[in-house]
Every structure is written in C-alpha cells, then in structure tokens.
C-alpha cells in the first residue's frame, strides 16, 4: 500500500529551503558587495569609458615632444684694424730682430723679435715675439712669450700660443694662453681655447669644450655680498 504524501508538509519544507537560499544569497551580497543591478551598471559604465577612449584616440593627434631649436651664440666682434701696407712696418718671416721696438706705426711681425714691442697702433703677430707687447689692438696667430697689454681689443687665433699675463679691454681667444687674464669688459673663450690661469673680467662668455684651469671672477660677483644670517635663518 503506497504511503500518503502530506502536501502541507512538502510546502513547509519548500518554504524553509527557499528561505535558506535567500538568506545565503543576502549574506554573500553583504560579504562580497556583489549586486546584480550594480554590477550591470558598472559594466555599462566601463563600456562607455572604453568607447569614449577609442573615439578620443581616433580624433586626437598623437603627442609629440616639441623639438628645441639649437641655440646659436653670436660670435663676439673683435675690432682689429686691417694692416696698412704703406703706413705700417712689416717684419718679414726671414728677419730676426734683437732689441726693443717702439713707435706709432702698425707692426706686422711675421719673423722673430727678441725684445719688447711698444706701439700706439695695432700689432699683428704671425711669427714669434719673446718680450713684452704693448699696443692699441692685437691679433695673434703666432706666439708671444711675455706680458701683453692692449688698450682696446685683442684676438687670439686657433694656432696661437701666449705665455704671459694679458691685460685688455676685450679679448677673444681661440688658442692657448698660459697666464692670468685681466679683461676690463668681455672675455670670449671659444670651444677650441685653453686658458691656464686666473680670469678677472667684467663678463665671461665661454663655449662648451673650452678648457679653463684657474679661478674666474666677474665684476658683478665681486660686488655681491652674502648675508649668511638672512640666507640661513629659515623659520627662526
């Protein structure tokens, strides 16, 4: 004989089972923060952001680092008068003079001078001078061993070598100098230059690659004073 099934008992068991599932689902939501509706909204938002990013990438230009224009530093202009063949004195490359030379003419020294050279005009040295030089303006592509005093501008070319102190209003050197520089206005040291000695000047221009072995002082820095108490009293 078949056992009779109580419908009421079955429904009661189903209600208990469904209630357990509901409680379990609610507990998982509280534990994980998972919500079907919220998750759907999050998915939609993410899709919208992805679509926006794709559209932006299509319309916008790719970022490019701006190219910096190379800085070209203007060359300093050193005024050395052109040599006057008629009014000037030429010491040819085959001549060797022993003794001092003093005058008011331009001098173009292609040979050798063992002595001081003093003139109120300009001097161009393509040869060699062992002695002091005093002049109005100077251009050197040869060599000088001695003190140099120039009232205006001095220019030292690539192949030139000077061993001795130099005093001048302005100086541009592309060659080699061993001695102290005392320049009233501007000293311009190019990339090929070598200076071994102290530099005292109103303004210094130096190119990358030049060699300076000595102390450098400019007029503006000399007049500047440091108030250490004020500089280092932070928050006191």
C-alpha atoms as a PDB file:
ATOM      1  CA  UNK A   1       0.000   0.000   0.000  1.00  0.00           C
ATOM      2  CA  UNK A   2       1.512   3.344  -1.045  1.00  0.00           C
ATOM      3  CA  UNK A   3       2.419   5.866   1.650  1.00  0.00           C
ATOM      4  CA  UNK A   4       0.259   9.001   1.639  1.00  0.00           C
ATOM      5  CA  UNK A   5       2.120  12.283   0.944  1.00  0.00           C
ATOM      6  CA  UNK A   6       1.182  15.254   3.086  1.00  0.00           C
ATOM      7  CA  UNK A   7       1.056  18.308   0.769  1.00  0.00           C
ATOM      8  CA  UNK A   8       1.238  20.735   3.650  1.00  0.00           C
ATOM      9  CA  UNK A   9       4.457  19.199   4.918  1.00  0.00           C
ATOM     10  CA  UNK A  10       6.008  19.410   1.430  1.00  0.00           C
ATOM     11  CA  UNK A  11       5.164  23.094   1.094  1.00  0.00           C
ATOM     12  CA  UNK A  12       6.568  23.767   4.536  1.00  0.00           C
ATOM     13  CA  UNK A  13       9.845  22.106   3.565  1.00  0.00           C
ATOM     14  CA  UNK A  14       9.967  24.123   0.305  1.00  0.00           C
ATOM     15  CA  UNK A  15       9.440  27.379   2.203  1.00  0.00           C
ATOM     16  CA  UNK A  16      12.244  26.523   4.621  1.00  0.00           C
ATOM     17  CA  UNK A  17      14.578  25.623   1.694  1.00  0.00           C
ATOM     18  CA  UNK A  18      13.817  28.803  -0.258  1.00  0.00           C
ATOM     19  CA  UNK A  19      14.250  30.907   2.851  1.00  0.00           C
ATOM     20  CA  UNK A  20      17.666  29.330   3.394  1.00  0.00           C
ATOM     21  CA  UNK A  21      18.712  30.131  -0.175  1.00  0.00           C
ATOM     22  CA  UNK A  22      17.513  33.733   0.182  1.00  0.00           C
ATOM     23  CA  UNK A  23      19.382  34.177   3.455  1.00  0.00           C
ATOM     24  CA  UNK A  24      22.534  32.655   1.918  1.00  0.00           C
ATOM     25  CA  UNK A  25      22.311  34.950  -1.123  1.00  0.00           C
ATOM     26  CA  UNK A  26      21.839  38.021   1.058  1.00  0.00           C
ATOM     27  CA  UNK A  27      24.785  37.031   3.208  1.00  0.00           C
ATOM     28  CA  UNK A  28      27.014  36.622   0.135  1.00  0.00           C
ATOM     29  CA  UNK A  29      25.958  40.043  -1.159  1.00  0.00           C
ATOM     30  CA  UNK A  30      26.808  41.660   2.159  1.00  0.00           C
ATOM     31  CA  UNK A  31      30.119  39.819   2.339  1.00  0.00           C
ATOM     32  CA  UNK A  32      31.329  40.439  -1.235  1.00  0.00           C
ATOM     33  CA  UNK A  33      29.456  43.625  -2.115  1.00  0.00           C
ATOM     34  CA  UNK A  34      28.159  41.864  -5.213  1.00  0.00           C
ATOM     35  CA  UNK A  35      24.868  43.112  -6.589  1.00  0.00           C
ATOM     36  CA  UNK A  36      23.409  42.114  -9.928  1.00  0.00           C
ATOM     37  CA  UNK A  37      21.954  45.547 -10.687  1.00  0.00           C
ATOM     38  CA  UNK A  38      25.034  47.406  -9.522  1.00  0.00           C
ATOM     39  CA  UNK A  39      27.302  45.088 -11.499  1.00  0.00           C
ATOM     40  CA  UNK A  40      25.290  45.667 -14.642  1.00  0.00           C
ATOM     41  CA  UNK A  41      25.613  49.436 -14.181  1.00  0.00           C
ATOM     42  CA  UNK A  42      29.353  49.112 -13.623  1.00  0.00           C
ATOM     43  CA  UNK A  43      29.728  47.061 -16.782  1.00  0.00           C
ATOM     44  CA  UNK A  44      27.757  49.638 -18.781  1.00  0.00           C
ATOM     45  CA  UNK A  45      29.889  52.482 -17.365  1.00  0.00           C
ATOM     46  CA  UNK A  46      33.123  50.643 -18.216  1.00  0.00           C
ATOM     47  CA  UNK A  47      31.910  50.006 -21.754  1.00  0.00           C
ATOM     48  CA  UNK A  48      31.054  53.693 -22.175  1.00  0.00           C
ATOM     49  CA  UNK A  49      34.511  54.721 -20.942  1.00  0.00           C
ATOM     50  CA  UNK A  50      36.179  52.301 -23.332  1.00  0.00           C
ATOM     51  CA  UNK A  51      34.126  53.592 -26.260  1.00  0.00           C
ATOM     52  CA  UNK A  52      34.987  57.180 -25.299  1.00  0.00           C
ATOM     53  CA  UNK A  53      38.697  56.378 -25.104  1.00  0.00           C
ATOM     54  CA  UNK A  54      38.614  54.729 -28.529  1.00  0.00           C
ATOM     55  CA  UNK A  55      36.804  57.709 -30.086  1.00  0.00           C
ATOM     56  CA  UNK A  56      39.278  60.111 -28.470  1.00  0.00           C
ATOM     57  CA  UNK A  57      42.267  58.171 -29.785  1.00  0.00           C
ATOM     58  CA  UNK A  58      40.803  58.284 -33.284  1.00  0.00           C
ATOM     59  CA  UNK A  59      40.216  62.043 -33.284  1.00  0.00           C
ATOM     60  CA  UNK A  60      43.171  63.357 -31.260  1.00  0.00           C
ATOM     61  CA  UNK A  61      46.694  63.806 -32.601  1.00  0.00           C
ATOM     62  CA  UNK A  62      49.417  61.651 -31.036  1.00  0.00           C
ATOM     63  CA  UNK A  63      51.602  63.518 -28.537  1.00  0.00           C
ATOM     64  CA  UNK A  64      54.966  64.569 -29.878  1.00  0.00           C
ATOM     65  CA  UNK A  65      57.790  66.068 -27.860  1.00  0.00           C
ATOM     66  CA  UNK A  66      58.448  69.582 -29.191  1.00  0.00           C
ATOM     67  CA  UNK A  67      61.794  69.956 -30.895  1.00  0.00           C
ATOM     68  CA  UNK A  68      64.044  72.596 -29.341  1.00  0.00           C
ATOM     69  CA  UNK A  69      65.727  74.946 -31.716  1.00  0.00           C
ATOM     70  CA  UNK A  70      69.523  74.860 -31.378  1.00  0.00           C
ATOM     71  CA  UNK A  71      70.824  77.948 -29.693  1.00  0.00           C
ATOM     72  CA  UNK A  72      73.323  79.781 -31.834  1.00  0.00           C
ATOM     73  CA  UNK A  73      75.515  82.098 -29.834  1.00  0.00           C
ATOM     74  CA  UNK A  74      76.630  85.121 -31.837  1.00  0.00           C
ATOM     75  CA  UNK A  75      80.374  85.465 -32.167  1.00  0.00           C
ATOM     76  CA  UNK A  76      81.934  88.349 -30.346  1.00  0.00           C
ATOM     77  CA  UNK A  77      83.204  91.048 -32.673  1.00  0.00           C
ATOM     78  CA  UNK A  78      86.816  91.983 -32.009  1.00  0.00           C
ATOM     79  CA  UNK A  79      87.924  95.071 -33.873  1.00  0.00           C
ATOM     80  CA  UNK A  80      91.468  94.777 -35.170  1.00  0.00           C
ATOM     81  CA  UNK A  81      92.234  97.294 -37.964  1.00  0.00           C
ATOM     82  CA  UNK A  82      93.407  95.890 -41.270  1.00  0.00           C
ATOM     83  CA  UNK A  83      97.094  96.277 -41.843  1.00  0.00           C
ATOM     84  CA  UNK A  84      98.112  99.267 -43.963  1.00  0.00           C
ATOM     85  CA  UNK A  85     100.991  98.206 -46.200  1.00  0.00           C
ATOM     86  CA  UNK A  86     102.011 101.810 -46.938  1.00  0.00           C
ATOM     87  CA  UNK A  87     101.950 103.211 -43.402  1.00  0.00           C
ATOM     88  CA  UNK A  88     102.821 100.061 -41.461  1.00  0.00           C
ATOM     89  CA  UNK A  89     106.043  98.235 -40.644  1.00  0.00           C
ATOM     90  CA  UNK A  90     106.472  94.665 -41.856  1.00  0.00           C
ATOM     91  CA  UNK A  91     108.946  92.304 -40.265  1.00  0.00           C
ATOM     92  CA  UNK A  92     109.280  89.555 -42.829  1.00  0.00           C
ATOM     93  CA  UNK A  93     109.381  85.875 -41.954  1.00  0.00           C
ATOM     94  CA  UNK A  94     113.110  85.700 -42.656  1.00  0.00           C
ATOM     95  CA  UNK A  95     114.006  88.580 -40.306  1.00  0.00           C
ATOM     96  CA  UNK A  96     115.255  88.200 -36.722  1.00  0.00           C
ATOM     97  CA  UNK A  97     115.352  91.369 -34.627  1.00  0.00           C
ATOM     98  CA  UNK A  98     117.164  91.517 -31.306  1.00  0.00           C
ATOM     99  CA  UNK A  99     116.238  94.594 -29.336  1.00  0.00           C
ATOM    100  CA  UNK A 100     113.234  96.656 -28.376  1.00  0.00           C
ATOM    101  CA  UNK A 101     110.925  98.256 -30.936  1.00  0.00           C
ATOM    102  CA  UNK A 102     108.991 101.430 -30.122  1.00  0.00           C
ATOM    103  CA  UNK A 103     106.895 103.627 -32.424  1.00  0.00           C
ATOM    104  CA  UNK A 104     103.475 104.782 -33.556  1.00  0.00           C
ATOM    105  CA  UNK A 105     103.067 102.679 -36.710  1.00  0.00           C
ATOM    106  CA  UNK A 106     101.241  99.456 -37.277  1.00  0.00           C
ATOM    107  CA  UNK A 107     103.507  96.431 -36.952  1.00  0.00           C
ATOM    108  CA  UNK A 108     103.082  93.136 -38.739  1.00  0.00           C
ATOM    109  CA  UNK A 109     105.526  90.675 -37.236  1.00  0.00           C
ATOM    110  CA  UNK A 110     105.974  87.650 -39.481  1.00  0.00           C
ATOM    111  CA  UNK A 111     109.528  86.981 -38.256  1.00  0.00           C
ATOM    112  CA  UNK A 112     111.131  86.784 -34.810  1.00  0.00           C
ATOM    113  CA  UNK A 113     111.568  89.581 -32.282  1.00  0.00           C
ATOM    114  CA  UNK A 114     113.735  89.108 -29.196  1.00  0.00           C
ATOM    115  CA  UNK A 115     112.735  92.201 -27.275  1.00  0.00           C
ATOM    116  CA  UNK A 116     109.798  94.354 -26.266  1.00  0.00           C
ATOM    117  CA  UNK A 117     107.374  95.778 -28.809  1.00  0.00           C
ATOM    118  CA  UNK A 118     105.593  99.014 -27.947  1.00  0.00           C
ATOM    119  CA  UNK A 119     103.374 100.927 -30.384  1.00  0.00           C
ATOM    120  CA  UNK A 120     100.334 103.170 -30.136  1.00  0.00           C
ATOM    121  CA  UNK A 121      98.802 101.484 -33.190  1.00  0.00           C
ATOM    122  CA  UNK A 122      97.842  97.881 -33.895  1.00  0.00           C
ATOM    123  CA  UNK A 123     100.024  94.785 -33.943  1.00  0.00           C
ATOM    124  CA  UNK A 124      99.590  91.592 -35.957  1.00  0.00           C
ATOM    125  CA  UNK A 125     101.761  88.685 -34.862  1.00  0.00           C
ATOM    126  CA  UNK A 126     102.182  85.796 -37.289  1.00  0.00           C
ATOM    127  CA  UNK A 127     105.703  84.957 -36.146  1.00  0.00           C
ATOM    128  CA  UNK A 128     107.312  84.885 -32.696  1.00  0.00           C
ATOM    129  CA  UNK A 129     107.921  87.532 -30.049  1.00  0.00           C
ATOM    130  CA  UNK A 130     109.900  86.887 -26.890  1.00  0.00           C
ATOM    131  CA  UNK A 131     109.307  90.033 -24.911  1.00  0.00           C
ATOM    132  CA  UNK A 132     106.535  92.277 -23.639  1.00  0.00           C
ATOM    133  CA  UNK A 133     103.978  93.707 -26.070  1.00  0.00           C
ATOM    134  CA  UNK A 134     102.056  96.964 -25.549  1.00  0.00           C
ATOM    135  CA  UNK A 135      99.670  98.127 -28.281  1.00  0.00           C
ATOM    136  CA  UNK A 136      96.287  99.615 -29.080  1.00  0.00           C
ATOM    137  CA  UNK A 137      94.840  96.440 -30.656  1.00  0.00           C
ATOM    138  CA  UNK A 138      96.291  92.985 -31.200  1.00  0.00           C
ATOM    139  CA  UNK A 139      95.752  89.949 -33.430  1.00  0.00           C
ATOM    140  CA  UNK A 140      97.879  86.853 -32.823  1.00  0.00           C
ATOM    141  CA  UNK A 141      98.167  83.723 -34.911  1.00  0.00           C
ATOM    142  CA  UNK A 142     101.800  83.089 -33.935  1.00  0.00           C
ATOM    143  CA  UNK A 143     103.311  83.055 -30.426  1.00  0.00           C
ATOM    144  CA  UNK A 144     104.234  85.521 -27.688  1.00  0.00           C
ATOM    145  CA  UNK A 145     106.230  84.880 -24.530  1.00  0.00           C
ATOM    146  CA  UNK A 146     105.867  87.919 -22.332  1.00  0.00           C
ATOM    147  CA  UNK A 147     103.342  90.279 -20.760  1.00  0.00           C
ATOM    148  CA  UNK A 148     100.698  91.650 -23.146  1.00  0.00           C
ATOM    149  CA  UNK A 149      98.935  94.968 -22.627  1.00  0.00           C
ATOM    150  CA  UNK A 150      96.244  96.074 -25.100  1.00  0.00           C
ATOM    151  CA  UNK A 151      94.227  99.274 -24.666  1.00  0.00           C
ATOM    152  CA  UNK A 152      91.352  98.111 -26.912  1.00  0.00           C
ATOM    153  CA  UNK A 153      90.667  94.658 -28.379  1.00  0.00           C
ATOM    154  CA  UNK A 154      92.792  91.518 -28.598  1.00  0.00           C
ATOM    155  CA  UNK A 155      92.126  88.425 -30.726  1.00  0.00           C
ATOM    156  CA  UNK A 156      93.981  85.127 -30.330  1.00  0.00           C
ATOM    157  CA  UNK A 157      93.532  82.703 -33.212  1.00  0.00           C
ATOM    158  CA  UNK A 158      93.380  78.874 -33.166  1.00  0.00           C
ATOM    159  CA  UNK A 159      97.085  78.229 -33.731  1.00  0.00           C
ATOM    160  CA  UNK A 160      98.272  80.988 -31.400  1.00  0.00           C
ATOM    161  CA  UNK A 161     100.127  80.448 -28.114  1.00  0.00           C
ATOM    162  CA  UNK A 162     100.714  83.134 -25.484  1.00  0.00           C
ATOM    163  CA  UNK A 163     102.726  82.562 -22.327  1.00  0.00           C
ATOM    164  CA  UNK A 164     102.279  85.596 -20.120  1.00  0.00           C
ATOM    165  CA  UNK A 165      99.661  87.755 -18.454  1.00  0.00           C
ATOM    166  CA  UNK A 166      97.208  89.649 -20.668  1.00  0.00           C
ATOM    167  CA  UNK A 167      95.510  92.958 -19.917  1.00  0.00           C
ATOM    168  CA  UNK A 168      92.938  94.219 -22.404  1.00  0.00           C
ATOM    169  CA  UNK A 169      89.587  95.954 -22.765  1.00  0.00           C
ATOM    170  CA  UNK A 170      88.126  92.979 -24.651  1.00  0.00           C
ATOM    171  CA  UNK A 171      89.588  89.598 -25.523  1.00  0.00           C
ATOM    172  CA  UNK A 172      88.590  86.704 -27.740  1.00  0.00           C
ATOM    173  CA  UNK A 173      90.728  83.589 -27.603  1.00  0.00           C
ATOM    174  CA  UNK A 174      90.546  80.510 -29.781  1.00  0.00           C
ATOM    175  CA  UNK A 175      94.098  79.414 -28.987  1.00  0.00           C
ATOM    176  CA  UNK A 176      96.185  78.609 -25.923  1.00  0.00           C
ATOM    177  CA  UNK A 177      97.064  81.005 -23.127  1.00  0.00           C
ATOM    178  CA  UNK A 178      99.167  80.348 -20.039  1.00  0.00           C
ATOM    179  CA  UNK A 179      98.867  83.371 -17.812  1.00  0.00           C
ATOM    180  CA  UNK A 180      96.381  85.482 -15.914  1.00  0.00           C
ATOM    181  CA  UNK A 181      93.741  87.438 -17.837  1.00  0.00           C
ATOM    182  CA  UNK A 182      92.660  90.873 -16.633  1.00  0.00           C
ATOM    183  CA  UNK A 183      89.935  91.987 -19.047  1.00  0.00           C
ATOM    184  CA  UNK A 184      88.028  95.201 -18.427  1.00  0.00           C
ATOM    185  CA  UNK A 185      84.852  94.401 -20.362  1.00  0.00           C
ATOM    186  CA  UNK A 186      84.302  90.992 -22.016  1.00  0.00           C
ATOM    187  CA  UNK A 187      86.393  87.867 -22.496  1.00  0.00           C
ATOM    188  CA  UNK A 188      85.149  85.367 -25.072  1.00  0.00           C
ATOM    189  CA  UNK A 189      86.575  81.843 -24.832  1.00  0.00           C
ATOM    190  CA  UNK A 190      85.651  79.589 -27.742  1.00  0.00           C
ATOM    191  CA  UNK A 191      85.401  75.800 -27.783  1.00  0.00           C
ATOM    192  CA  UNK A 192      88.963  75.299 -29.069  1.00  0.00           C
ATOM    193  CA  UNK A 193      90.597  77.542 -26.456  1.00  0.00           C
ATOM    194  CA  UNK A 194      92.763  76.553 -23.482  1.00  0.00           C
ATOM    195  CA  UNK A 195      93.364  79.023 -20.647  1.00  0.00           C
ATOM    196  CA  UNK A 196      95.674  78.114 -17.772  1.00  0.00           C
ATOM    197  CA  UNK A 197      95.492  80.972 -15.305  1.00  0.00           C
ATOM    198  CA  UNK A 198      93.082  83.138 -13.367  1.00  0.00           C
ATOM    199  CA  UNK A 199      90.484  85.249 -15.166  1.00  0.00           C
ATOM    200  CA  UNK A 200      89.327  88.625 -13.877  1.00  0.00           C
ATOM    201  CA  UNK A 201      86.753  90.196 -16.179  1.00  0.00           C
ATOM    202  CA  UNK A 202      83.586  92.210 -16.399  1.00  0.00           C
ATOM    203  CA  UNK A 203      81.765  89.486 -18.322  1.00  0.00           C
ATOM    204  CA  UNK A 204      82.690  85.952 -19.380  1.00  0.00           C
ATOM    205  CA  UNK A 205      81.424  84.108 -22.461  1.00  0.00           C
ATOM    206  CA  UNK A 206      82.614  80.519 -22.787  1.00  0.00           C
ATOM    207  CA  UNK A 207      81.688  77.771 -25.234  1.00  0.00           C
ATOM    208  CA  UNK A 208      81.249  74.110 -24.441  1.00  0.00           C
ATOM    209  CA  UNK A 209      84.527  72.267 -24.977  1.00  0.00           C
ATOM    210  CA  UNK A 210      86.885  75.030 -23.865  1.00  0.00           C
ATOM    211  CA  UNK A 211      89.402  74.371 -21.080  1.00  0.00           C
ATOM    212  CA  UNK A 212      89.828  76.778 -18.162  1.00  0.00           C
ATOM    213  CA  UNK A 213      92.246  75.900 -15.375  1.00  0.00           C
ATOM    214  CA  UNK A 214      92.114  78.692 -12.834  1.00  0.00           C
ATOM    215  CA  UNK A 215      89.837  80.922 -10.823  1.00  0.00           C
ATOM    216  CA  UNK A 216      87.223  83.077 -12.560  1.00  0.00           C
ATOM    217  CA  UNK A 217      85.981  86.376 -11.130  1.00  0.00           C
ATOM    218  CA  UNK A 218      83.482  88.724 -12.744  1.00  0.00           C
ATOM    219  CA  UNK A 219      82.843  92.312 -11.676  1.00  0.00           C
ATOM    220  CA  UNK A 220      79.199  91.727 -10.762  1.00  0.00           C
ATOM    221  CA  UNK A 221      80.069  88.828  -8.455  1.00  0.00           C
ATOM    222  CA  UNK A 222      82.842  90.799  -6.794  1.00  0.00           C
ATOM    223  CA  UNK A 223      80.407  93.495  -5.609  1.00  0.00           C
ATOM    224  CA  UNK A 224      77.842  90.972  -4.349  1.00  0.00           C
ATOM    225  CA  UNK A 225      77.713  90.248  -0.608  1.00  0.00           C
ATOM    226  CA  UNK A 226      76.184  87.224   1.107  1.00  0.00           C
ATOM    227  CA  UNK A 227      74.125  87.864   4.218  1.00  0.00           C
ATOM    228  CA  UNK A 228      74.525  84.419   5.740  1.00  0.00           C
ATOM    229  CA  UNK A 229      72.336  85.118   8.741  1.00  0.00           C
ATOM    230  CA  UNK A 230      69.453  86.120   6.494  1.00  0.00           C
ATOM    231  CA  UNK A 231      70.004  83.315   3.972  1.00  0.00           C
ATOM    232  CA  UNK A 232      70.088  80.523   6.550  1.00  0.00           C
ATOM    233  CA  UNK A 233      67.597  81.809   9.140  1.00  0.00           C
ATOM    234  CA  UNK A 234      64.703  79.661   7.911  1.00  0.00           C
ATOM    235  CA  UNK A 235      61.668  79.706  10.178  1.00  0.00           C
ATOM    236  CA  UNK A 236      63.542  81.081  13.146  1.00  0.00           C
END
